């Protein structure tokens, strides 16, 4: 959509850089930019390195997105690279977001960034009405675990009026796990410490981290029990539930599974934009960057899905996702409505998202960050060790943590070592040592300690992540 808008305004002077380009396409676009034939570059995080000879402005859209962080070596955050490149080249950088990252908003309050507020929607349209449905009460009365009566009623009203609806569930697949009801064993990935997700209506299981796939078993591999239960639900099951409630509705799904098929995502979004579809079910891919004037209802199947993650940013990401997806409703002349289904309706992230009050959320979140010493109150540095030998990786992590504590002199805190929340990934055990404190002091200490060990900072089994976005 962004590429279409840019080419519509600037024509052939637009170049595109992203990971789906072939090697030849990327080569051609790179040289078009280098030779000056392309003066506008649109792309994902790597586009920040585009070889523009005279850079005037860098626009980082949805600057809060964690996808701007490159998790593999070389580790960088495209937003921060954009800020530094603009500084070095004397150009302007514009960070845009309806829900800025806590770090960026704190920078604006400190005067490091200039803050420009858009206090009204385009054409002065009103914000959608947001309602939280307490799923606990619905379940006590024997209601449907996926679609609550208020959401079903709202969907029916939109279908009658020939309006459109978006349904968000930030979990793809059919069911989140496969459980044996006799011995309690869950189907787990042989390479990672996660449960396998059931896909395609219960036919296959898949690991969303390493890509392992297998046919769904008919008996428990552990006890040979035949009573297997599908637990939880993903976007595939939501589509099934909506079809059961409204058989004549035209429904499609948008998630990473669809995006894998070349061109499928674009065709589905185009069909929805032209009105060929009534309801679009999807993950966070539908939550931002889309402008569908006929969407008057947004339903969030499980607003709490991100709150249980072992990450200090879980509340921030939940607030951002809910606020962003709520903004998809009522973008045309018709008023919008948002229904959030939740087991934790009193959580402050949901309450402030319901009120669409970013400032109130920021102040509440900063209380937590200051108390716990998390960014932006303090910097973080994560030392992640990996090995196929669990005892060896823990032993190395303990030695590194001990040396870091000896050198701290009270300048920073050392937490751990501890196995990462995702303790095993692609066959390797993962252990981490987390540092909190001034960035410069921590970087120097880690550099000195690792230089004493085999391989130094280039040791294959170790990764140093300054300002980590994910601690998983």
Protein backbone atom coordinates (compact mmCIF):
# COMPACT_ATOMS: atom_id res chain seq x y z
CA UNK A 1 0.00 0.00 0.00
CA UNK A 2 2.84 2.40 0.84
CA UNK A 3 4.70 1.50 -2.36
CA UNK A 4 1.54 2.11 -4.38
CA UNK A 5 1.02 5.52 -2.76
CA UNK A 6 4.67 6.51 -3.30
CA UNK A 7 4.79 5.44 -6.94
CA UNK A 8 1.47 7.15 -7.57
CA UNK A 9 2.98 10.44 -6.38
CA UNK A 10 6.63 10.17 -7.46
CA UNK A 11 6.48 7.69 -10.37
CA UNK A 12 9.64 5.97 -11.61
CA UNK A 13 11.88 7.80 -9.14
CA UNK A 14 10.76 5.34 -6.42
CA UNK A 15 12.93 2.33 -5.55
CA UNK A 16 11.88 -0.55 -3.29
CA UNK A 17 14.15 -2.55 -0.97
CA UNK A 18 12.91 -5.51 1.08
CA UNK A 19 13.70 -9.16 1.74
CA UNK A 20 11.22 -10.59 -0.78
CA UNK A 21 13.20 -9.21 -3.72
CA UNK A 22 15.35 -11.64 -5.66
CA UNK A 23 19.12 -11.09 -5.76
CA UNK A 24 18.82 -9.65 -9.24
CA UNK A 25 15.98 -7.30 -8.29
CA UNK A 26 17.87 -6.07 -5.24
CA UNK A 27 21.01 -5.52 -7.38
CA UNK A 28 19.06 -3.47 -9.93
CA UNK A 29 17.31 -1.34 -7.30
CA UNK A 30 20.57 -0.72 -5.42
CA UNK A 31 22.28 0.60 -8.56
CA UNK A 32 19.25 2.74 -9.52
CA UNK A 33 19.62 4.42 -6.12
CA UNK A 34 23.40 4.65 -6.34
CA UNK A 35 23.30 6.21 -9.82
CA UNK A 36 20.65 8.75 -8.81
CA UNK A 37 17.86 7.37 -11.03
CA UNK A 38 15.80 6.69 -7.89
CA UNK A 39 15.46 9.50 -5.38
CA UNK A 40 12.78 8.01 -3.10
CA UNK A 41 13.40 4.67 -1.37
CA UNK A 42 10.64 2.65 0.27
CA UNK A 43 11.52 -0.46 2.22
CA UNK A 44 11.95 -2.42 5.40
CA UNK A 45 14.71 -1.90 7.99
CA UNK A 46 17.64 -2.52 5.62
CA UNK A 47 16.46 0.40 3.47
CA UNK A 48 18.00 2.71 6.07
CA UNK A 49 21.37 1.90 4.44
CA UNK A 50 20.23 2.85 0.92
CA UNK A 51 23.10 4.57 -0.97
CA UNK A 52 21.39 7.91 -1.55
CA UNK A 53 23.98 10.51 -2.47
CA UNK A 54 22.14 13.51 -1.05
CA UNK A 55 19.83 12.47 1.76
CA UNK A 56 17.18 15.00 2.69
CA UNK A 57 14.74 13.18 4.98
CA UNK A 58 14.26 9.75 6.55
CA UNK A 59 10.73 8.77 7.56
CA UNK A 60 10.42 5.87 10.03
CA UNK A 61 6.76 4.89 9.93
CA UNK A 62 5.36 3.06 12.99
CA UNK A 63 8.66 3.73 14.77
CA UNK A 64 7.56 1.68 17.78
CA UNK A 65 7.57 -1.61 15.85
CA UNK A 66 9.98 -4.24 17.28
CA UNK A 67 10.55 -5.52 13.72
CA UNK A 68 12.94 -2.59 13.21
CA UNK A 69 15.44 -4.45 15.43
CA UNK A 70 17.72 -6.89 13.60
CA UNK A 71 17.98 -9.83 16.00
CA UNK A 72 20.83 -11.60 14.18
CA UNK A 73 24.35 -10.32 13.64
CA UNK A 74 24.93 -7.53 12.80
CA UNK A 75 22.47 -6.37 15.45
CA UNK A 76 21.05 -2.91 14.87
CA UNK A 77 17.84 -0.98 15.37
CA UNK A 78 16.81 0.70 12.11
CA UNK A 79 15.14 3.57 13.96
CA UNK A 80 18.31 4.37 15.89
CA UNK A 81 20.43 4.00 12.75
CA UNK A 82 18.07 6.43 11.00
CA UNK A 83 18.51 8.99 13.78
CA UNK A 84 22.30 8.66 13.70
CA UNK A 85 22.54 8.72 9.89
CA UNK A 86 20.40 11.85 9.75
CA UNK A 87 22.65 13.48 12.32
CA UNK A 88 25.82 12.58 10.40
CA UNK A 89 24.43 13.74 7.04
CA UNK A 90 22.69 16.85 8.34
CA UNK A 91 19.26 15.69 7.22
CA UNK A 92 15.85 15.42 8.88
CA UNK A 93 14.43 12.27 10.46
CA UNK A 94 10.72 11.91 11.15
CA UNK A 95 9.58 9.19 13.58
CA UNK A 96 5.87 8.58 13.12
CA UNK A 97 3.51 6.62 15.34
CA UNK A 98 0.10 6.90 16.97
CA UNK A 99 1.57 4.89 19.84
CA UNK A 100 5.26 5.89 20.16
CA UNK A 101 7.69 3.63 21.97
CA UNK A 102 8.16 4.61 25.61
CA UNK A 103 11.83 5.37 24.85
CA UNK A 104 11.03 7.74 21.97
CA UNK A 105 8.35 9.59 23.90
CA UNK A 106 10.73 10.00 26.84
CA UNK A 107 13.31 11.45 24.42
CA UNK A 108 10.70 13.94 23.24
CA UNK A 109 9.86 14.98 26.80
CA UNK A 110 13.58 15.50 27.53
CA UNK A 111 13.91 17.71 24.46
CA UNK A 112 16.14 15.32 22.52
CA UNK A 113 13.40 15.04 19.87
CA UNK A 114 10.93 17.70 18.78
CA UNK A 115 7.37 16.49 19.42
CA UNK A 116 4.65 17.25 16.88
CA UNK A 117 1.14 16.15 17.90
CA UNK A 118 -1.76 15.33 15.59
CA UNK A 119 -4.65 15.88 17.96
CA UNK A 120 -7.44 15.08 15.49
CA UNK A 121 -8.20 12.35 12.97
CA UNK A 122 -8.22 13.19 9.28
CA UNK A 123 -11.29 15.23 8.24
CA UNK A 124 -12.07 15.62 11.99
CA UNK A 125 -13.64 12.17 12.16
CA UNK A 126 -14.55 10.88 15.61
CA UNK A 127 -12.70 8.07 17.36
CA UNK A 128 -14.48 4.70 17.48
CA UNK A 129 -16.42 3.63 20.55
CA UNK A 130 -14.47 0.95 22.44
CA UNK A 131 -16.07 -1.67 24.68
CA UNK A 132 -14.40 -4.33 26.82
CA UNK A 133 -16.27 -7.64 27.15
CA UNK A 134 -15.39 -9.66 30.25
CA UNK A 135 -14.94 -13.19 28.92
CA UNK A 136 -14.91 -14.61 32.43
CA UNK A 137 -18.60 -13.80 32.85
CA UNK A 138 -19.42 -15.20 29.42
CA UNK A 139 -17.59 -18.47 30.13
CA UNK A 140 -19.27 -18.89 33.54
CA UNK A 141 -22.61 -18.85 31.76
CA UNK A 142 -21.45 -21.47 29.23
CA UNK A 143 -20.82 -19.09 26.34
CA UNK A 144 -18.68 -19.68 23.26
CA UNK A 145 -14.95 -19.42 24.06
CA UNK A 146 -14.11 -17.66 20.77
CA UNK A 147 -16.99 -15.33 19.87
CA UNK A 148 -18.92 -13.72 22.72
CA UNK A 149 -22.59 -12.70 22.23
CA UNK A 150 -21.81 -8.95 21.97
CA UNK A 151 -19.28 -9.60 19.20
CA UNK A 152 -21.59 -12.02 17.37
CA UNK A 153 -24.40 -9.48 17.49
CA UNK A 154 -22.14 -6.70 16.22
CA UNK A 155 -20.92 -8.89 13.33
CA UNK A 156 -24.50 -9.70 12.35
CA UNK A 157 -25.40 -6.02 12.31
CA UNK A 158 -22.51 -5.22 9.98
CA UNK A 159 -23.44 -8.01 7.60
CA UNK A 160 -27.03 -6.75 7.46
CA UNK A 161 -25.86 -3.21 6.68
CA UNK A 162 -23.25 -4.48 4.18
CA UNK A 163 -20.41 -2.98 6.17
CA UNK A 164 -17.06 -4.65 6.87
CA UNK A 165 -15.35 -5.97 9.99
CA UNK A 166 -11.84 -6.87 11.12
CA UNK A 167 -11.19 -9.61 13.69
CA UNK A 168 -7.79 -9.66 15.38
CA UNK A 169 -6.13 -12.61 17.09
CA UNK A 170 -2.36 -12.41 17.33
CA UNK A 171 -1.93 -16.19 17.07
CA UNK A 172 -1.84 -18.04 13.79
CA UNK A 173 -2.74 -21.68 13.26
CA UNK A 174 -5.77 -23.71 14.33
CA UNK A 175 -4.95 -24.59 17.97
CA UNK A 176 -2.08 -23.50 20.22
CA UNK A 177 -1.28 -27.00 21.54
CA UNK A 178 -2.17 -30.69 21.42
CA UNK A 179 -2.72 -32.26 24.86
CA UNK A 180 -3.05 -35.90 25.91
CA UNK A 181 -5.94 -36.12 28.39
CA UNK A 182 -4.60 -39.39 29.85
CA UNK A 183 -1.00 -38.55 30.77
CA UNK A 184 -0.97 -34.76 30.31
CA UNK A 185 1.82 -34.77 27.72
CA UNK A 186 1.89 -31.90 25.20
CA UNK A 187 3.13 -32.25 21.64
CA UNK A 188 6.46 -30.41 21.77
CA UNK A 189 9.11 -29.42 19.25
CA UNK A 190 12.14 -31.76 19.29
CA UNK A 191 14.45 -28.78 18.64
CA UNK A 192 12.93 -25.99 20.78
CA UNK A 193 11.38 -25.73 24.24
CA UNK A 194 7.93 -24.83 22.91
CA UNK A 195 4.67 -26.61 22.21
CA UNK A 196 3.81 -27.38 18.60
CA UNK A 197 0.99 -25.36 17.04
CA UNK A 198 -1.73 -27.27 15.22
CA UNK A 199 -2.44 -26.08 11.67
CA UNK A 200 -4.84 -26.79 8.79
CA UNK A 201 -7.82 -27.82 10.83
CA UNK A 202 -5.91 -30.30 12.98
CA UNK A 203 -3.94 -32.10 10.27
CA UNK A 204 -0.38 -30.89 10.93
CA UNK A 205 1.73 -29.55 13.79
CA UNK A 206 4.38 -26.86 13.37
CA UNK A 207 7.03 -25.09 15.44
CA UNK A 208 6.86 -21.36 14.82
CA UNK A 209 10.52 -20.92 15.78
CA UNK A 210 12.51 -23.53 13.84
CA UNK A 211 9.92 -24.57 11.25
CA UNK A 212 9.70 -28.25 12.30
CA UNK A 213 6.51 -29.85 10.94
CA UNK A 214 4.85 -33.22 11.43
CA UNK A 215 1.47 -34.80 10.89
CA UNK A 216 -0.85 -34.51 13.84
CA UNK A 217 -0.63 -37.83 15.79
CA UNK A 218 -3.69 -39.99 16.34
CA UNK A 219 -2.32 -41.36 19.62
CA UNK A 220 -0.10 -39.94 22.36
CA UNK A 221 3.59 -40.67 21.61
CA UNK A 222 4.21 -41.06 25.34
CA UNK A 223 1.40 -43.30 26.66
CA UNK A 224 -0.29 -44.29 23.38
CA UNK A 225 -3.53 -42.82 24.72
CA UNK A 226 -6.17 -42.04 22.11
CA UNK A 227 -7.76 -39.09 23.92
CA UNK A 228 -6.00 -36.07 22.43
CA UNK A 229 -7.39 -32.59 22.96
CA UNK A 230 -6.81 -29.45 20.91
CA UNK A 231 -6.25 -26.54 23.30
CA UNK A 232 -6.40 -22.84 22.54
CA UNK A 233 -7.25 -21.30 19.18
CA UNK A 234 -5.60 -19.41 16.35
CA UNK A 235 -6.75 -17.49 13.31
CA UNK A 236 -7.77 -20.65 11.40
CA UNK A 237 -10.20 -21.62 14.16
CA UNK A 238 -11.61 -18.10 14.34
CA UNK A 239 -12.45 -18.29 10.63
CA UNK A 240 -14.18 -21.63 11.29
CA UNK A 241 -16.19 -20.14 14.17
CA UNK A 242 -17.32 -17.14 12.10
CA UNK A 243 -18.32 -19.42 9.21
CA UNK A 244 -20.37 -21.53 11.62
CA UNK A 245 -22.20 -18.43 12.89
CA UNK A 246 -22.64 -16.75 9.50
CA UNK A 247 -22.36 -19.31 6.67
CA UNK A 248 -23.07 -16.77 3.93
CA UNK A 249 -20.42 -14.28 5.04
CA UNK A 250 -17.41 -13.79 2.79
CA UNK A 251 -14.41 -14.31 5.05
CA UNK A 252 -10.64 -14.38 4.51
CA UNK A 253 -7.59 -14.77 6.73
CA UNK A 254 -4.40 -12.69 6.83
CA UNK A 255 -1.37 -14.02 8.69
CA UNK A 256 2.18 -15.19 8.04
CA UNK A 257 0.95 -18.48 6.56
CA UNK A 258 -0.85 -16.54 3.82
CA UNK A 259 2.08 -14.15 3.34
CA UNK A 260 4.37 -17.08 2.49
CA UNK A 261 2.48 -17.55 -0.79
CA UNK A 262 3.75 -15.02 -3.28
CA UNK A 263 1.11 -12.43 -4.11
CA UNK A 264 -1.57 -13.98 -1.88
CA UNK A 265 -1.45 -11.24 0.73
CA UNK A 266 -1.82 -8.47 -1.81
CA UNK A 267 -4.74 -10.22 -3.54
CA UNK A 268 -6.58 -10.75 -0.26
CA UNK A 269 -6.16 -7.14 0.87
CA UNK A 270 -7.22 -5.89 -2.57
CA UNK A 271 -10.36 -8.07 -2.43
CA UNK A 272 -11.23 -6.66 0.98
CA UNK A 273 -10.59 -3.10 -0.19
CA UNK A 274 -12.96 -3.50 -3.16
CA UNK A 275 -15.72 -4.95 -0.96
CA UNK A 276 -15.47 -8.52 -2.25
CA UNK A 277 -15.01 -9.70 1.36
CA UNK A 278 -17.12 -8.95 4.44
CA UNK A 279 -14.84 -10.03 7.28
CA UNK A 280 -11.06 -10.16 7.52
CA UNK A 281 -9.52 -12.31 10.27
CA UNK A 282 -5.85 -11.78 10.99
CA UNK A 283 -2.88 -11.35 13.25
CA UNK A 284 -1.10 -8.05 13.92
CA UNK A 285 -0.62 -7.75 10.14
CA UNK A 286 -4.11 -6.20 9.92
CA UNK A 287 -3.60 -3.86 12.88
CA UNK A 288 -1.81 -0.95 11.19
CA UNK A 289 -1.15 0.78 7.90
CA UNK A 290 -4.53 -0.10 6.34
CA UNK A 291 -7.25 2.34 5.37
CA UNK A 292 -10.56 0.58 4.72
CA UNK A 293 -13.38 3.19 4.82
CA UNK A 294 -16.16 0.56 5.04
CA UNK A 295 -14.77 -1.08 8.19
CA UNK A 296 -17.04 -0.07 11.06
CA UNK A 297 -16.28 -2.92 13.47
CA UNK A 298 -13.02 -4.21 14.92
CA UNK A 299 -13.21 -7.22 17.20
CA UNK A 300 -10.25 -8.42 19.26
CA UNK A 301 -10.75 -12.12 20.05
CA UNK A 302 -8.26 -12.26 22.93
CA UNK A 303 -6.95 -8.87 24.05
CA UNK A 304 -4.72 -10.48 26.70
CA UNK A 305 -2.65 -12.71 24.41
CA UNK A 306 0.55 -10.69 24.87
CA UNK A 307 0.23 -9.84 28.57
CA UNK A 308 1.48 -13.22 29.78
CA UNK A 309 4.81 -13.06 27.94
CA UNK A 310 7.96 -12.90 30.13
CA UNK A 311 8.93 -9.48 28.80
CA UNK A 312 8.89 -6.12 30.58
CA UNK A 313 7.47 -4.56 27.39
CA UNK A 314 4.39 -6.83 27.31
CA UNK A 315 2.01 -4.13 28.57
CA UNK A 316 3.42 -1.56 26.15
CA UNK A 317 3.08 -3.89 23.17
CA UNK A 318 -0.45 -4.86 24.17
CA UNK A 319 -1.47 -1.21 24.46
CA UNK A 320 0.12 -0.39 21.10
CA UNK A 321 -1.49 -3.32 19.29
CA UNK A 322 -4.98 -2.63 20.67
CA UNK A 323 -4.78 1.11 20.03
CA UNK A 324 -3.48 0.57 16.50
CA UNK A 325 -6.13 -1.98 15.55
CA UNK A 326 -8.86 0.19 17.08
CA UNK A 327 -7.77 2.91 14.68
CA UNK A 328 -8.87 0.75 11.73
CA UNK A 329 -12.56 1.29 12.62
CA UNK A 330 -14.53 4.32 11.46
CA UNK A 331 -11.96 5.72 9.04
CA UNK A 332 -14.68 6.64 6.54
CA UNK A 333 -17.91 8.56 6.98
CA UNK A 334 -19.52 5.80 9.08
CA UNK A 335 -18.84 5.64 12.82
CA UNK A 336 -16.69 2.84 14.17
CA UNK A 337 -16.99 0.39 17.06
CA UNK A 338 -14.34 -1.74 18.76
CA UNK A 339 -15.00 -4.78 20.97
CA UNK A 340 -12.16 -6.15 23.09
CA UNK A 341 -12.72 -9.62 24.56
CA UNK A 342 -10.61 -10.08 27.70
CA UNK A 343 -10.02 -12.22 30.76
CA UNK A 344 -8.22 -9.28 32.41
CA UNK A 345 -10.48 -6.29 31.74
CA UNK A 346 -9.02 -4.31 34.68
CA UNK A 347 -5.42 -4.28 33.34
CA UNK A 348 -4.18 -0.73 32.80
CA UNK A 349 -2.97 -1.46 29.26
CA UNK A 350 -6.51 -2.39 28.23
CA UNK A 351 -8.11 0.47 30.14
CA UNK A 352 -5.92 3.12 28.54
CA UNK A 353 -6.27 1.50 25.10
CA UNK A 354 -10.04 1.60 25.57
CA UNK A 355 -9.82 5.32 26.38
CA UNK A 356 -7.17 5.71 23.61
CA UNK A 357 -5.17 7.79 26.07
CA UNK A 358 -1.47 7.44 25.28
CA UNK A 359 -0.26 9.98 27.82
CA UNK A 360 -2.05 8.26 30.73
CA UNK A 361 -0.56 4.92 29.65
CA UNK A 362 2.93 6.42 29.36
CA UNK A 363 2.80 7.87 32.88
CA UNK A 364 1.56 4.57 34.36
CA UNK A 365 4.14 2.53 32.48
CA UNK A 366 6.98 4.85 33.49
CA UNK A 367 6.17 4.19 37.16
CA UNK A 368 6.91 0.52 36.52
CA UNK A 369 10.03 1.21 34.42
CA UNK A 370 11.56 3.55 37.01
CA UNK A 371 10.81 1.16 39.87
CA UNK A 372 12.36 -1.83 38.10
CA UNK A 373 15.19 0.02 36.34
CA UNK A 374 14.06 -0.78 32.79
CA UNK A 375 14.49 1.46 29.72
CA UNK A 376 14.25 4.38 29.41
CA UNK A 377 15.02 4.71 33.13
CA UNK A 378 18.16 2.63 32.57
CA UNK A 379 19.95 0.94 29.68
CA UNK A 380 20.04 -2.84 29.16
CA UNK A 381 22.67 -5.16 27.76
CA UNK A 382 22.01 -8.84 27.25
CA UNK A 383 24.78 -11.45 26.99
CA UNK A 384 23.29 -14.57 25.42
CA UNK A 385 25.23 -17.85 25.37
CA UNK A 386 24.30 -20.83 23.21
CA UNK A 387 25.49 -24.46 23.21
CA UNK A 388 24.22 -27.97 22.55
CA UNK A 389 25.53 -28.81 26.06
CA UNK A 390 23.23 -27.36 28.75
CA UNK A 391 25.75 -27.81 31.58
CA UNK A 392 28.56 -26.20 29.60
CA UNK A 393 26.53 -23.14 28.62
CA UNK A 394 25.41 -22.59 32.23
CA UNK A 395 28.99 -22.99 33.47
CA UNK A 396 30.29 -20.41 30.99
CA UNK A 397 27.46 -18.02 31.84
CA UNK A 398 28.23 -18.27 35.56
CA UNK A 399 31.90 -17.50 34.93
CA UNK A 400 31.05 -14.45 32.81
CA UNK A 401 28.49 -13.18 35.32
CA UNK A 402 31.00 -13.56 38.15
CA UNK A 403 33.68 -11.57 36.32
CA UNK A 404 31.16 -8.86 35.38
CA UNK A 405 30.13 -8.48 39.03
CA UNK A 406 33.77 -8.17 40.08
CA UNK A 407 34.26 -5.30 37.63
CA UNK A 408 30.96 -3.49 38.27
CA UNK A 409 32.11 -1.31 41.22
CA UNK A 410 28.46 -0.46 41.73
CA UNK A 411 28.13 1.13 38.28
CA UNK A 412 25.69 -1.45 36.92
CA UNK A 413 23.65 -4.45 38.08
CA UNK A 414 24.19 -8.01 36.88
CA UNK A 415 21.14 -10.30 36.75
CA UNK A 416 21.57 -14.03 36.26
CA UNK A 417 22.78 -16.15 34.76
CA UNK A 418 19.51 -17.87 33.97
CA UNK A 419 18.17 -19.93 31.12
CA UNK A 420 16.33 -17.73 28.65
CA UNK A 421 12.50 -17.91 28.55
CA UNK A 422 12.98 -19.79 25.28
CA UNK A 423 15.54 -22.09 26.90
CA UNK A 424 16.18 -24.26 23.83
CA UNK A 425 16.06 -23.06 20.25
CA UNK A 426 17.00 -24.99 17.10
CA UNK A 427 18.78 -27.61 19.16
CA UNK A 428 20.84 -25.19 21.25
CA UNK A 429 20.44 -24.42 24.96
CA UNK A 430 20.33 -20.69 25.69
CA UNK A 431 21.49 -18.92 28.84
CA UNK A 432 21.61 -15.18 29.41
CA UNK A 433 23.24 -12.61 31.67
CA UNK A 434 21.39 -9.28 31.83
CA UNK A 435 23.03 -5.99 32.79
CA UNK A 436 21.24 -2.79 33.87
CA UNK A 437 22.99 0.55 34.11
CA UNK A 438 24.89 3.16 32.04
CA UNK A 439 25.40 1.92 28.49
CA UNK A 440 29.06 2.92 28.13
CA UNK A 441 30.16 1.28 31.39
CA UNK A 442 28.37 -1.97 30.56
CA UNK A 443 29.76 -2.17 27.03
CA UNK A 444 33.31 -1.66 28.21
CA UNK A 445 32.96 -4.23 30.99
CA UNK A 446 31.53 -6.88 28.64
CA UNK A 447 34.23 -6.16 26.05
CA UNK A 448 36.98 -6.59 28.69
CA UNK A 449 35.53 -9.77 30.20
CA UNK A 450 34.96 -11.47 26.86
CA UNK A 451 38.43 -10.56 25.64
CA UNK A 452 39.78 -12.73 28.47
CA UNK A 453 37.94 -15.79 27.15
CA UNK A 454 38.46 -17.97 24.13
CA UNK A 455 37.59 -16.17 20.91
CA UNK A 456 36.85 -12.91 22.72
CA UNK A 457 33.80 -11.01 21.47
CA UNK A 458 33.79 -13.11 18.26
CA UNK A 459 33.23 -16.33 20.22
CA UNK A 460 30.69 -18.26 18.14
CA UNK A 461 28.48 -19.34 21.03
CA UNK A 462 27.93 -15.86 22.41
CA UNK A 463 25.90 -12.85 21.36
CA UNK A 464 25.99 -9.39 22.91
CA UNK A 465 22.82 -7.39 22.39
CA UNK A 466 22.96 -3.72 23.43
CA UNK A 467 19.48 -2.27 24.00
CA UNK A 468 17.67 -5.59 23.37
CA UNK A 469 14.11 -5.41 22.11
CA UNK A 470 13.31 -9.01 23.03
CA UNK A 471 14.53 -11.00 26.03
CA UNK A 472 13.01 -14.26 24.83
